[in-house]
Amino acid sequence: MDLRGKSLIHGFSEQALASMKLCLERKEQVLIFLNRRGYAPTLMCHQCGWIAACDHCDVNLTVHKRANKLHCHHCDTQKALLHTCPECQSEELLPSAKAQNR
């Protein structure tokens, strides 16, 4: 489905939400596949719990290991992949599936 020019509600078109609602009302299942970008959803400090977040958006930066960078896929902000935690200076920064926002 082409979403250009359509209003979205939490990332879904009104048509998609209506279709999902009909399926659920019939007690059927709805599967949503989310395309994952990058090597890991975020970078996290194992020592203090700091999470790499975009300075411009309220989302986590995605780890792109091959490109050695952190990337915000909402506003396109990019930073070099960090090797030291900016909060506690630990070197235990780990790519993490923990995708909660700050």
N, C-alpha and C. Protein backbone atom coordinates (compact mmCIF):
# COMPACT_ATOMS: atom_id res chain seq x y z
N MET A 1 0.84 -1.17 0.00
CA MET A 1 0.00 0.00 0.00
C MET A 1 0.89 1.24 0.00
N ASP A 2 0.59 2.18 -0.84
CA ASP A 2 1.34 3.43 -0.93
C ASP A 2 0.79 4.40 0.11
N LEU A 3 1.66 4.82 1.04
CA LEU A 3 1.23 5.70 2.13
C LEU A 3 1.48 7.17 1.84
N ARG A 4 2.04 7.49 0.68
CA ARG A 4 2.33 8.89 0.37
C ARG A 4 1.05 9.72 0.41
N GLY A 5 1.13 10.83 1.14
CA GLY A 5 0.01 11.75 1.21
C GLY A 5 -1.11 11.32 2.14
N LYS A 6 -0.98 10.18 2.79
CA LYS A 6 -2.03 9.71 3.70
C LYS A 6 -1.64 10.06 5.14
N SER A 7 -2.65 10.35 5.95
CA SER A 7 -2.37 10.63 7.35
C SER A 7 -2.16 9.29 8.07
N LEU A 8 -1.22 9.32 9.02
CA LEU A 8 -0.89 8.10 9.77
C LEU A 8 -1.23 8.29 11.24
N ILE A 9 -1.66 7.21 11.86
CA ILE A 9 -1.93 7.18 13.29
C ILE A 9 -1.00 6.15 13.89
N HIS A 10 -0.02 6.61 14.66
CA HIS A 10 1.01 5.73 15.23
C HIS A 10 1.69 4.89 14.16
N GLY A 11 1.90 5.48 12.98
CA GLY A 11 2.60 4.80 11.90
C GLY A 11 1.73 3.95 10.99
N PHE A 12 0.42 3.90 11.25
CA PHE A 12 -0.49 3.08 10.45
C PHE A 12 -1.51 3.97 9.74
N SER A 13 -1.89 3.58 8.53
CA SER A 13 -2.94 4.31 7.82
C SER A 13 -4.29 3.94 8.43
N GLU A 14 -5.27 4.80 8.18
CA GLU A 14 -6.62 4.53 8.68
C GLU A 14 -7.15 3.23 8.08
N GLN A 15 -6.83 2.97 6.81
CA GLN A 15 -7.27 1.75 6.14
C GLN A 15 -6.67 0.51 6.81
N ALA A 16 -5.39 0.57 7.14
CA ALA A 16 -4.74 -0.57 7.80
C ALA A 16 -5.34 -0.80 9.18
N LEU A 17 -5.57 0.28 9.93
CA LEU A 17 -6.17 0.14 11.26
C LEU A 17 -7.58 -0.44 11.18
N ALA A 18 -8.36 -0.01 10.19
CA ALA A 18 -9.71 -0.54 10.02
C ALA A 18 -9.67 -2.02 9.69
N SER A 19 -8.74 -2.42 8.83
CA SER A 19 -8.60 -3.84 8.47
C SER A 19 -8.21 -4.68 9.68
N MET A 20 -7.28 -4.15 10.48
CA MET A 20 -6.86 -4.87 11.69
C MET A 20 -8.02 -5.01 12.67
N LYS A 21 -8.78 -3.93 12.81
CA LYS A 21 -9.93 -3.95 13.73
C LYS A 21 -10.95 -5.00 13.30
N LEU A 22 -11.24 -5.10 11.99
CA LEU A 22 -12.18 -6.11 11.50
C LEU A 22 -11.69 -7.52 11.81
N CYS A 23 -10.42 -7.76 11.57
CA CYS A 23 -9.86 -9.10 11.86
C CYS A 23 -9.98 -9.42 13.35
N LEU A 24 -9.64 -8.47 14.19
CA LEU A 24 -9.70 -8.71 15.64
C LEU A 24 -11.13 -8.92 16.11
N GLU A 25 -12.07 -8.20 15.52
CA GLU A 25 -13.48 -8.39 15.88
C GLU A 25 -13.97 -9.78 15.51
N ARG A 26 -13.39 -10.36 14.47
CA ARG A 26 -13.74 -11.73 14.06
C ARG A 26 -12.90 -12.77 14.82
N LYS A 27 -12.17 -12.31 15.85
CA LYS A 27 -11.31 -13.17 16.68
C LYS A 27 -10.18 -13.80 15.87
N GLU A 28 -9.76 -13.10 14.80
CA GLU A 28 -8.62 -13.55 14.00
C GLU A 28 -7.37 -12.84 14.50
N GLN A 29 -6.22 -13.34 14.11
CA GLN A 29 -4.96 -12.73 14.49
C GLN A 29 -4.51 -11.71 13.46
N VAL A 30 -3.75 -10.74 13.93
CA VAL A 30 -3.14 -9.75 13.05
C VAL A 30 -1.64 -9.80 13.33
N LEU A 31 -0.85 -9.99 12.30
CA LEU A 31 0.60 -9.99 12.43
C LEU A 31 1.16 -8.72 11.81
N ILE A 32 2.03 -8.04 12.53
CA ILE A 32 2.67 -6.83 12.04
C ILE A 32 4.17 -7.09 12.02
N PHE A 33 4.76 -6.97 10.87
CA PHE A 33 6.20 -7.18 10.73
C PHE A 33 6.87 -5.81 10.67
N LEU A 34 7.81 -5.59 11.59
CA LEU A 34 8.54 -4.34 11.62
C LEU A 34 9.93 -4.55 11.02
N ASN A 35 10.27 -3.73 10.05
CA ASN A 35 11.57 -3.82 9.42
C ASN A 35 12.61 -3.20 10.35
N ARG A 36 13.62 -3.96 10.70
CA ARG A 36 14.66 -3.46 11.59
C ARG A 36 15.80 -2.91 10.78
N ARG A 37 16.25 -1.73 11.15
CA ARG A 37 17.38 -1.11 10.48
C ARG A 37 18.61 -1.23 11.34
N GLY A 38 19.77 -1.37 10.71
CA GLY A 38 21.03 -1.35 11.43
C GLY A 38 21.36 -2.66 12.11
N TYR A 39 22.44 -2.63 12.88
CA TYR A 39 22.95 -3.81 13.58
C TYR A 39 22.16 -4.05 14.86
N ALA A 40 21.81 -2.98 15.55
CA ALA A 40 21.06 -3.08 16.81
C ALA A 40 20.20 -1.83 16.98
N PRO A 41 19.07 -1.95 17.68
CA PRO A 41 18.19 -0.79 17.87
C PRO A 41 18.81 0.35 18.66
N THR A 42 19.78 0.07 19.52
CA THR A 42 20.40 1.16 20.28
C THR A 42 21.73 0.71 20.90
N LEU A 43 22.42 1.67 21.47
CA LEU A 43 23.69 1.43 22.16
C LEU A 43 23.47 1.76 23.63
N MET A 44 23.86 0.85 24.52
CA MET A 44 23.60 1.03 25.94
C MET A 44 24.86 0.79 26.76
N CYS A 45 25.04 1.57 27.82
CA CYS A 45 26.16 1.38 28.74
C CYS A 45 25.80 0.29 29.74
N HIS A 46 26.63 -0.71 29.82
CA HIS A 46 26.38 -1.82 30.73
C HIS A 46 26.57 -1.41 32.19
N GLN A 47 27.35 -0.36 32.44
CA GLN A 47 27.61 0.09 33.81
C GLN A 47 26.49 0.96 34.39
N CYS A 48 26.11 2.02 33.66
CA CYS A 48 25.16 2.98 34.24
C CYS A 48 23.78 2.97 33.59
N GLY A 49 23.63 2.26 32.47
CA GLY A 49 22.33 2.18 31.80
C GLY A 49 22.05 3.28 30.81
N TRP A 50 23.03 4.18 30.57
CA TRP A 50 22.86 5.24 29.57
C TRP A 50 22.50 4.62 28.22
N ILE A 51 21.61 5.27 27.49
CA ILE A 51 21.20 4.80 26.16
C ILE A 51 21.44 5.91 25.16
N ALA A 52 22.05 5.58 24.03
CA ALA A 52 22.33 6.57 22.97
C ALA A 52 21.01 7.06 22.38
N ALA A 53 20.71 8.33 22.61
CA ALA A 53 19.47 8.91 22.12
C ALA A 53 19.78 10.12 21.25
N CYS A 54 18.90 10.40 20.33
CA CYS A 54 19.05 11.54 19.43
C CYS A 54 18.91 12.84 20.22
N ASP A 55 19.76 13.80 19.92
CA ASP A 55 19.70 15.11 20.58
C ASP A 55 18.54 15.95 20.07
N HIS A 56 17.98 15.58 18.91
CA HIS A 56 16.95 16.38 18.27
C HIS A 56 15.56 15.76 18.37
N CYS A 57 15.50 14.44 18.50
CA CYS A 57 14.22 13.72 18.56
C CYS A 57 14.14 12.99 19.90
N ASP A 58 13.02 12.40 20.17
CA ASP A 58 12.86 11.62 21.39
C ASP A 58 12.92 10.13 21.06
N VAL A 59 13.95 9.75 20.29
CA VAL A 59 14.12 8.35 19.90
C VAL A 59 15.56 7.92 20.13
N ASN A 60 15.77 6.62 20.17
CA ASN A 60 17.11 6.09 20.33
C ASN A 60 17.83 6.06 18.98
N LEU A 61 19.15 6.22 19.04
CA LEU A 61 19.97 6.12 17.83
C LEU A 61 20.21 4.66 17.51
N THR A 62 20.15 4.31 16.23
CA THR A 62 20.36 2.94 15.77
C THR A 62 21.85 2.72 15.54
N VAL A 63 22.36 1.56 15.96
CA VAL A 63 23.77 1.21 15.77
C VAL A 63 23.94 0.63 14.37
N HIS A 64 24.84 1.22 13.60
CA HIS A 64 25.23 0.70 12.28
C HIS A 64 26.71 0.31 12.40
N LYS A 65 26.94 -0.97 12.62
CA LYS A 65 28.28 -1.47 12.93
C LYS A 65 29.26 -1.32 11.76
N ARG A 66 28.84 -1.72 10.56
CA ARG A 66 29.74 -1.64 9.40
C ARG A 66 30.16 -0.21 9.10
N ALA A 67 29.21 0.71 9.22
CA ALA A 67 29.50 2.12 8.94
C ALA A 67 30.13 2.82 10.15
N ASN A 68 30.20 2.13 11.29
CA ASN A 68 30.80 2.66 12.51
C ASN A 68 30.11 3.96 12.94
N LYS A 69 28.76 3.93 12.96
CA LYS A 69 28.03 5.15 13.30
C LYS A 69 26.74 4.84 14.06
N LEU A 70 26.20 5.89 14.66
CA LEU A 70 24.88 5.89 15.27
C LEU A 70 24.01 6.77 14.38
N HIS A 71 22.78 6.34 14.12
CA HIS A 71 21.95 7.04 13.14
C HIS A 71 20.51 7.15 13.66
N CYS A 72 19.97 8.36 13.58
CA CYS A 72 18.55 8.57 13.89
C CYS A 72 17.79 8.46 12.58
N HIS A 73 16.90 7.50 12.50
CA HIS A 73 16.16 7.29 11.26
C HIS A 73 14.90 8.16 11.19
N HIS A 74 14.74 9.07 12.17
CA HIS A 74 13.61 10.00 12.13
C HIS A 74 14.05 11.34 11.55
N CYS A 75 15.17 11.89 12.05
CA CYS A 75 15.62 13.21 11.59
C CYS A 75 16.93 13.15 10.82
N ASP A 76 17.50 11.96 10.67
CA ASP A 76 18.73 11.71 9.91
C ASP A 76 20.01 12.20 10.60
N THR A 77 19.94 12.50 11.90
CA THR A 77 21.15 12.84 12.65
C THR A 77 22.07 11.63 12.67
N GLN A 78 23.37 11.86 12.49
CA GLN A 78 24.35 10.78 12.51
C GLN A 78 25.53 11.19 13.38
N LYS A 79 26.06 10.21 14.12
CA LYS A 79 27.23 10.43 14.98
C LYS A 79 28.16 9.24 14.82
N ALA A 80 29.43 9.46 15.11
CA ALA A 80 30.39 8.35 15.13
C ALA A 80 29.99 7.40 16.26
N LEU A 81 30.21 6.12 16.05
CA LEU A 81 29.92 5.12 17.07
C LEU A 81 30.80 5.39 18.28
N LEU A 82 30.19 5.54 19.43
CA LEU A 82 30.93 5.85 20.66
C LEU A 82 31.59 4.60 21.22
N HIS A 83 32.72 4.79 21.88
CA HIS A 83 33.42 3.68 22.53
C HIS A 83 33.55 3.89 24.04
N THR A 84 33.14 5.09 24.50
CA THR A 84 33.16 5.43 25.91
C THR A 84 31.83 6.08 26.28
N CYS A 85 31.26 5.68 27.39
CA CYS A 85 29.99 6.23 27.84
C CYS A 85 30.16 7.71 28.21
N PRO A 86 29.32 8.60 27.67
CA PRO A 86 29.42 10.02 28.01
C PRO A 86 28.97 10.32 29.45
N GLU A 87 28.27 9.41 30.10
CA GLU A 87 27.80 9.62 31.47
C GLU A 87 28.81 9.18 32.52
N CYS A 88 29.35 7.94 32.36
CA CYS A 88 30.23 7.39 33.40
C CYS A 88 31.63 7.03 32.90
N GLN A 89 31.89 7.26 31.63
CA GLN A 89 33.18 7.00 30.99
C GLN A 89 33.55 5.51 30.94
N SER A 90 32.61 4.63 31.16
CA SER A 90 32.84 3.20 31.03
C SER A 90 33.07 2.86 29.56
N GLU A 91 33.84 1.82 29.32
CA GLU A 91 34.06 1.35 27.95
C GLU A 91 33.19 0.14 27.64
N GLU A 92 32.22 -0.13 28.51
CA GLU A 92 31.32 -1.26 28.32
C GLU A 92 30.03 -0.83 27.63
N LEU A 93 30.18 -0.29 26.42
CA LEU A 93 29.02 0.07 25.61
C LEU A 93 28.66 -1.12 24.75
N LEU A 94 27.41 -1.54 24.82
CA LEU A 94 26.97 -2.74 24.12
C LEU A 94 25.80 -2.45 23.19
N PRO A 95 25.86 -2.95 21.95
CA PRO A 95 24.66 -2.87 21.10
C PRO A 95 23.56 -3.64 21.82
N SER A 96 22.38 -3.05 21.88
CA SER A 96 21.33 -3.63 22.69
C SER A 96 20.01 -3.65 21.95
N ALA A 97 19.23 -4.68 22.24
CA ALA A 97 17.87 -4.77 21.69
C ALA A 97 16.91 -3.99 22.57
N LYS A 98 17.39 -3.48 23.69
CA LYS A 98 16.55 -2.70 24.59
C LYS A 98 16.20 -1.40 23.88
N ALA A 99 14.99 -1.29 23.39
CA ALA A 99 14.63 -0.17 22.52
C ALA A 99 13.76 0.87 23.19
N GLN A 100 13.77 0.95 24.51
CA GLN A 100 12.92 1.95 25.15
C GLN A 100 13.49 3.34 24.93
N ASN A 101 12.62 4.31 24.84
CA ASN A 101 13.05 5.70 24.69
C ASN A 101 13.41 6.25 26.04
N ARG A 102 14.17 7.35 26.00
CA ARG A 102 14.61 7.94 27.26
C ARG A 102 13.49 8.53 28.04
